[in-house]
């Protein structure tokens, strides 16, 4: 029971903040800045990179260079930053605690159909001392055109890998699903 006290205090403090009127000066967590820091750290490391690409159920696995890693990571590094002054008013922040995952979830969602980023979830894992560490970031995007749409589910597992699931719908054609996973060791 004593181990749960820091988690309960953290959850109560998040809940107390949720009930307050949104302060325009209060910053949202900048996922883009965090991921740029991750990419910069990976760029200076000696990791081996592996790309797994699945298109129409067929997978291909190859080793890739650091430059190719950076190219694929651009999916994450170039998304609109919802914490910026012009964007944050279009999003609502929510938080919860997931007992099963032992994670605190910070979620930012929009109801604005013009926003490319529909939802961002930051999963934080608390430790026994009451500190938290970012474990996973999930970003859902949607881009629509005249007769097509591209929905992407981007997942960044901190210090391990990232995944991009693209669902492409063009006209009356069947939906195409492409999955890209890049891992580093």
C-alpha atoms as a PDB file:
ATOM      1  CA  UNK A   1       0.000   0.000   0.000  1.00  0.00           C
ATOM      2  CA  UNK A   2       2.830   2.418   0.837  1.00  0.00           C
ATOM      3  CA  UNK A   3       4.199   1.980  -2.699  1.00  0.00           C
ATOM      4  CA  UNK A   4       0.903   3.234  -4.150  1.00  0.00           C
ATOM      5  CA  UNK A   5       0.866   6.496  -2.185  1.00  0.00           C
ATOM      6  CA  UNK A   6       3.154   8.443  -4.580  1.00  0.00           C
ATOM      7  CA  UNK A   7       1.027   7.304  -7.546  1.00  0.00           C
ATOM      8  CA  UNK A   8      -2.202   8.288  -5.829  1.00  0.00           C
ATOM      9  CA  UNK A   9      -0.803  11.725  -4.933  1.00  0.00           C
ATOM     10  CA  UNK A  10       0.362  12.227  -8.522  1.00  0.00           C
ATOM     11  CA  UNK A  11      -3.013  11.172  -9.925  1.00  0.00           C
ATOM     12  CA  UNK A  12      -4.891  13.451  -7.511  1.00  0.00           C
ATOM     13  CA  UNK A  13      -2.681  16.393  -8.462  1.00  0.00           C
ATOM     14  CA  UNK A  14      -3.362  15.713 -12.165  1.00  0.00           C
ATOM     15  CA  UNK A  15      -7.095  15.457 -11.464  1.00  0.00           C
ATOM     16  CA  UNK A  16      -7.085  18.705  -9.506  1.00  0.00           C
ATOM     17  CA  UNK A  17      -5.478  20.490 -12.451  1.00  0.00           C
ATOM     18  CA  UNK A  18      -8.070  19.036 -14.822  1.00  0.00           C
ATOM     19  CA  UNK A  19     -10.935  20.771 -13.070  1.00  0.00           C
ATOM     20  CA  UNK A  20      -9.386  24.245 -13.361  1.00  0.00           C
ATOM     21  CA  UNK A  21     -10.133  26.572 -16.233  1.00  0.00           C
ATOM     22  CA  UNK A  22      -7.499  26.203 -18.940  1.00  0.00           C
ATOM     23  CA  UNK A  23      -4.792  28.798 -18.440  1.00  0.00           C
ATOM     24  CA  UNK A  24      -3.553  29.979 -21.818  1.00  0.00           C
ATOM     25  CA  UNK A  25      -0.091  30.534 -20.336  1.00  0.00           C
ATOM     26  CA  UNK A  26       0.231  26.948 -19.111  1.00  0.00           C
ATOM     27  CA  UNK A  27       2.383  25.007 -21.567  1.00  0.00           C
ATOM     28  CA  UNK A  28       1.352  21.714 -23.098  1.00  0.00           C
ATOM     29  CA  UNK A  29       4.024  19.073 -23.427  1.00  0.00           C
ATOM     30  CA  UNK A  30       5.863  19.581 -26.739  1.00  0.00           C
ATOM     31  CA  UNK A  31       6.045  16.137 -28.288  1.00  0.00           C
ATOM     32  CA  UNK A  32       7.904  17.515 -31.321  1.00  0.00           C
ATOM     33  CA  UNK A  33      10.678  19.044 -29.173  1.00  0.00           C
ATOM     34  CA  UNK A  34      11.001  15.860 -27.134  1.00  0.00           C
ATOM     35  CA  UNK A  35      11.255  13.660 -30.243  1.00  0.00           C
ATOM     36  CA  UNK A  36      13.780  16.028 -31.840  1.00  0.00           C
ATOM     37  CA  UNK A  37      15.909  15.555 -28.714  1.00  0.00           C
ATOM     38  CA  UNK A  38      15.535  11.782 -28.998  1.00  0.00           C
ATOM     39  CA  UNK A  39      16.564  11.857 -32.679  1.00  0.00           C
ATOM     40  CA  UNK A  40      19.561  14.077 -31.909  1.00  0.00           C
ATOM     41  CA  UNK A  41      20.692  11.662 -29.182  1.00  0.00           C
ATOM     42  CA  UNK A  42      20.294   8.698 -31.543  1.00  0.00           C
ATOM     43  CA  UNK A  43      22.258  10.577 -34.238  1.00  0.00           C
ATOM     44  CA  UNK A  44      25.258  10.810 -31.900  1.00  0.00           C
ATOM     45  CA  UNK A  45      25.115   7.153 -30.855  1.00  0.00           C
ATOM     46  CA  UNK A  46      26.539   4.002 -32.371  1.00  0.00           C
ATOM     47  CA  UNK A  47      23.232   2.205 -32.868  1.00  0.00           C
ATOM     48  CA  UNK A  48      22.507  -0.389 -35.535  1.00  0.00           C
ATOM     49  CA  UNK A  49      19.224   0.363 -37.323  1.00  0.00           C
ATOM     50  CA  UNK A  50      16.724  -2.104 -38.755  1.00  0.00           C
ATOM     51  CA  UNK A  51      13.717  -1.247 -40.911  1.00  0.00           C
ATOM     52  CA  UNK A  52      10.731  -3.570 -41.209  1.00  0.00           C
ATOM     53  CA  UNK A  53       8.213  -2.555 -43.837  1.00  0.00           C
ATOM     54  CA  UNK A  54       4.911  -4.345 -44.387  1.00  0.00           C
ATOM     55  CA  UNK A  55       2.769  -3.546 -47.423  1.00  0.00           C
ATOM     56  CA  UNK A  56      -0.354  -5.554 -48.223  1.00  0.00           C
ATOM     57  CA  UNK A  57       0.699  -8.236 -45.737  1.00  0.00           C
ATOM     58  CA  UNK A  58       4.206  -8.750 -47.166  1.00  0.00           C
ATOM     59  CA  UNK A  59       7.127  -7.782 -44.923  1.00  0.00           C
ATOM     60  CA  UNK A  60      10.692  -6.862 -45.770  1.00  0.00           C
ATOM     61  CA  UNK A  61      13.452  -6.416 -43.184  1.00  0.00           C
ATOM     62  CA  UNK A  62      16.739  -4.637 -43.917  1.00  0.00           C
ATOM     63  CA  UNK A  63      19.507  -2.803 -42.089  1.00  0.00           C
ATOM     64  CA  UNK A  64      19.530   0.931 -42.698  1.00  0.00           C
ATOM     65  CA  UNK A  65      22.015   3.757 -42.193  1.00  0.00           C
ATOM     66  CA  UNK A  66      21.809   6.593 -39.696  1.00  0.00           C
ATOM     67  CA  UNK A  67      20.827   8.913 -42.570  1.00  0.00           C
ATOM     68  CA  UNK A  68      17.943   6.615 -43.521  1.00  0.00           C
ATOM     69  CA  UNK A  69      16.860   6.500 -39.874  1.00  0.00           C
ATOM     70  CA  UNK A  70      16.694  10.303 -39.903  1.00  0.00           C
ATOM     71  CA  UNK A  71      14.650  10.253 -43.138  1.00  0.00           C
ATOM     72  CA  UNK A  72      12.062   7.867 -41.680  1.00  0.00           C
ATOM     73  CA  UNK A  73      11.977   9.717 -38.346  1.00  0.00           C
ATOM     74  CA  UNK A  74      10.857  12.873 -40.199  1.00  0.00           C
ATOM     75  CA  UNK A  75       7.285  11.542 -39.916  1.00  0.00           C
ATOM     76  CA  UNK A  76       7.536  12.381 -36.207  1.00  0.00           C
ATOM     77  CA  UNK A  77       9.801  15.419 -36.361  1.00  0.00           C
ATOM     78  CA  UNK A  78       7.721  17.431 -38.823  1.00  0.00           C
ATOM     79  CA  UNK A  79       4.219  17.030 -37.381  1.00  0.00           C
ATOM     80  CA  UNK A  80       2.524  20.232 -36.232  1.00  0.00           C
ATOM     81  CA  UNK A  81       3.498  21.117 -32.653  1.00  0.00           C
ATOM     82  CA  UNK A  82       0.188  21.296 -30.775  1.00  0.00           C
ATOM     83  CA  UNK A  83       1.895  23.039 -27.853  1.00  0.00           C
ATOM     84  CA  UNK A  84       2.559  26.111 -30.002  1.00  0.00           C
ATOM     85  CA  UNK A  85       0.646  29.311 -29.354  1.00  0.00           C
ATOM     86  CA  UNK A  86      -1.468  29.029 -32.494  1.00  0.00           C
ATOM     87  CA  UNK A  87      -2.452  25.393 -31.920  1.00  0.00           C
ATOM     88  CA  UNK A  88      -2.916  24.719 -28.206  1.00  0.00           C
ATOM     89  CA  UNK A  89      -6.336  26.415 -27.998  1.00  0.00           C
ATOM     90  CA  UNK A  90      -7.654  23.758 -30.420  1.00  0.00           C
ATOM     91  CA  UNK A  91      -6.809  20.892 -28.051  1.00  0.00           C
ATOM     92  CA  UNK A  92      -8.088  19.638 -24.734  1.00  0.00           C
ATOM     93  CA  UNK A  93      -5.756  18.010 -22.256  1.00  0.00           C
ATOM     94  CA  UNK A  94      -6.833  14.999 -20.254  1.00  0.00           C
ATOM     95  CA  UNK A  95      -5.041  12.657 -17.910  1.00  0.00           C
ATOM     96  CA  UNK A  96      -5.653   9.280 -16.370  1.00  0.00           C
ATOM     97  CA  UNK A  97      -3.866   6.402 -14.722  1.00  0.00           C
ATOM     98  CA  UNK A  98      -3.873   2.934 -16.286  1.00  0.00           C
ATOM     99  CA  UNK A  99      -3.522   0.259 -13.583  1.00  0.00           C
ATOM    100  CA  UNK A 100      -2.823  -2.507 -16.079  1.00  0.00           C
ATOM    101  CA  UNK A 101       0.039  -0.648 -17.768  1.00  0.00           C
ATOM    102  CA  UNK A 102       1.109   1.168 -14.587  1.00  0.00           C
ATOM    103  CA  UNK A 103       1.230   4.320 -16.708  1.00  0.00           C
ATOM    104  CA  UNK A 104      -0.016   7.867 -16.410  1.00  0.00           C
ATOM    105  CA  UNK A 105      -1.584   8.937 -19.694  1.00  0.00           C
ATOM    106  CA  UNK A 106      -1.548  12.560 -20.852  1.00  0.00           C
ATOM    107  CA  UNK A 107      -3.911  12.907 -23.787  1.00  0.00           C
ATOM    108  CA  UNK A 108      -4.448  15.865 -26.090  1.00  0.00           C
ATOM    109  CA  UNK A 109      -7.454  15.698 -28.431  1.00  0.00           C
ATOM    110  CA  UNK A 110      -9.088  18.048 -30.895  1.00  0.00           C
ATOM    111  CA  UNK A 111     -12.571  18.327 -32.319  1.00  0.00           C
ATOM    112  CA  UNK A 112     -11.371  20.702 -35.036  1.00  0.00           C
ATOM    113  CA  UNK A 113     -11.623  18.813 -38.372  1.00  0.00           C
ATOM    114  CA  UNK A 114      -8.933  21.082 -39.872  1.00  0.00           C
ATOM    115  CA  UNK A 115      -6.242  19.934 -37.425  1.00  0.00           C
ATOM    116  CA  UNK A 116      -3.889  17.308 -38.852  1.00  0.00           C
ATOM    117  CA  UNK A 117      -2.968  15.982 -35.393  1.00  0.00           C
ATOM    118  CA  UNK A 118      -6.190  14.480 -34.023  1.00  0.00           C
ATOM    119  CA  UNK A 119      -4.815  13.023 -30.798  1.00  0.00           C
ATOM    120  CA  UNK A 120      -1.539  12.699 -28.894  1.00  0.00           C
ATOM    121  CA  UNK A 121      -1.014  10.421 -25.940  1.00  0.00           C
ATOM    122  CA  UNK A 122       2.091  10.493 -23.775  1.00  0.00           C
ATOM    123  CA  UNK A 123       2.538   7.424 -21.587  1.00  0.00           C
ATOM    124  CA  UNK A 124       4.549   8.078 -18.427  1.00  0.00           C
ATOM    125  CA  UNK A 125       5.795   5.309 -16.169  1.00  0.00           C
ATOM    126  CA  UNK A 126       6.144   6.221 -12.467  1.00  0.00           C
ATOM    127  CA  UNK A 127       8.861   4.688 -10.315  1.00  0.00           C
ATOM    128  CA  UNK A 128       8.923   3.934  -6.578  1.00  0.00           C
ATOM    129  CA  UNK A 129      10.241   7.421  -5.758  1.00  0.00           C
ATOM    130  CA  UNK A 130       7.335   9.194  -7.464  1.00  0.00           C
ATOM    131  CA  UNK A 131       9.343  10.202 -10.547  1.00  0.00           C
ATOM    132  CA  UNK A 132       7.991   9.568 -14.015  1.00  0.00           C
ATOM    133  CA  UNK A 133       9.693   8.684 -17.274  1.00  0.00           C
ATOM    134  CA  UNK A 134       8.225   8.944 -20.751  1.00  0.00           C
ATOM    135  CA  UNK A 135       7.882   5.441 -22.180  1.00  0.00           C
ATOM    136  CA  UNK A 136       5.719   5.808 -25.291  1.00  0.00           C
ATOM    137  CA  UNK A 137       4.209   8.551 -27.419  1.00  0.00           C
ATOM    138  CA  UNK A 138       1.239   7.843 -29.693  1.00  0.00           C
ATOM    139  CA  UNK A 139       0.135  10.355 -32.321  1.00  0.00           C
ATOM    140  CA  UNK A 140      -2.929  10.003 -34.548  1.00  0.00           C
ATOM    141  CA  UNK A 141      -3.062  12.171 -37.682  1.00  0.00           C
ATOM    142  CA  UNK A 142      -5.515  12.611 -40.554  1.00  0.00           C
ATOM    143  CA  UNK A 143      -4.989  14.296 -43.888  1.00  0.00           C
ATOM    144  CA  UNK A 144      -7.891  14.535 -46.304  1.00  0.00           C
ATOM    145  CA  UNK A 145      -7.940  15.588 -49.915  1.00  0.00           C
ATOM    146  CA  UNK A 146     -10.597  15.835 -52.591  1.00  0.00           C
ATOM    147  CA  UNK A 147     -10.989  12.105 -53.103  1.00  0.00           C
ATOM    148  CA  UNK A 148      -8.485  10.605 -50.692  1.00  0.00           C
ATOM    149  CA  UNK A 149      -7.541  10.381 -47.037  1.00  0.00           C
ATOM    150  CA  UNK A 150      -4.460   9.274 -45.154  1.00  0.00           C
ATOM    151  CA  UNK A 151      -4.774   8.299 -41.513  1.00  0.00           C
ATOM    152  CA  UNK A 152      -1.565   7.614 -39.597  1.00  0.00           C
ATOM    153  CA  UNK A 153      -0.937   6.082 -36.222  1.00  0.00           C
ATOM    154  CA  UNK A 154       2.583   7.000 -35.148  1.00  0.00           C
ATOM    155  CA  UNK A 155       4.071   5.318 -32.083  1.00  0.00           C
ATOM    156  CA  UNK A 156       7.474   6.173 -30.613  1.00  0.00           C
ATOM    157  CA  UNK A 157       8.820   3.742 -27.983  1.00  0.00           C
ATOM    158  CA  UNK A 158      11.484   5.803 -26.208  1.00  0.00           C
ATOM    159  CA  UNK A 159      15.050   4.534 -26.737  1.00  0.00           C
ATOM    160  CA  UNK A 160      13.840   1.455 -28.678  1.00  0.00           C
ATOM    161  CA  UNK A 161      11.859   1.878 -31.892  1.00  0.00           C
ATOM    162  CA  UNK A 162       9.131   3.720 -33.739  1.00  0.00           C
ATOM    163  CA  UNK A 163       6.247   2.581 -35.882  1.00  0.00           C
ATOM    164  CA  UNK A 164       4.091   4.301 -38.504  1.00  0.00           C
ATOM    165  CA  UNK A 165       0.840   2.655 -39.598  1.00  0.00           C
ATOM    166  CA  UNK A 166      -0.584   4.406 -42.673  1.00  0.00           C
ATOM    167  CA  UNK A 167      -4.137   3.758 -43.847  1.00  0.00           C
ATOM    168  CA  UNK A 168      -4.589   5.182 -47.333  1.00  0.00           C
ATOM    169  CA  UNK A 169      -8.040   5.520 -48.909  1.00  0.00           C
ATOM    170  CA  UNK A 170      -8.321   6.732 -52.510  1.00  0.00           C
ATOM    171  CA  UNK A 171     -11.724   7.116 -54.129  1.00  0.00           C
ATOM    172  CA  UNK A 172     -13.592   3.824 -54.301  1.00  0.00           C
ATOM    173  CA  UNK A 173     -10.423   1.734 -54.115  1.00  0.00           C
ATOM    174  CA  UNK A 174      -9.820  -0.629 -51.209  1.00  0.00           C
ATOM    175  CA  UNK A 175      -7.949   0.814 -48.243  1.00  0.00           C
ATOM    176  CA  UNK A 176      -4.178   0.206 -48.334  1.00  0.00           C
ATOM    177  CA  UNK A 177      -2.315  -0.346 -45.106  1.00  0.00           C
ATOM    178  CA  UNK A 178       1.421   0.189 -44.819  1.00  0.00           C
ATOM    179  CA  UNK A 179       3.392  -0.487 -41.632  1.00  0.00           C
ATOM    180  CA  UNK A 180       6.888   0.836 -41.085  1.00  0.00           C
ATOM    181  CA  UNK A 181       8.931  -0.119 -38.024  1.00  0.00           C
ATOM    182  CA  UNK A 182      12.430   1.216 -37.359  1.00  0.00           C
ATOM    183  CA  UNK A 183      14.373  -0.318 -34.451  1.00  0.00           C
ATOM    184  CA  UNK A 184      17.742   0.548 -33.006  1.00  0.00           C
ATOM    185  CA  UNK A 185      19.976  -1.501 -30.769  1.00  0.00           C
END
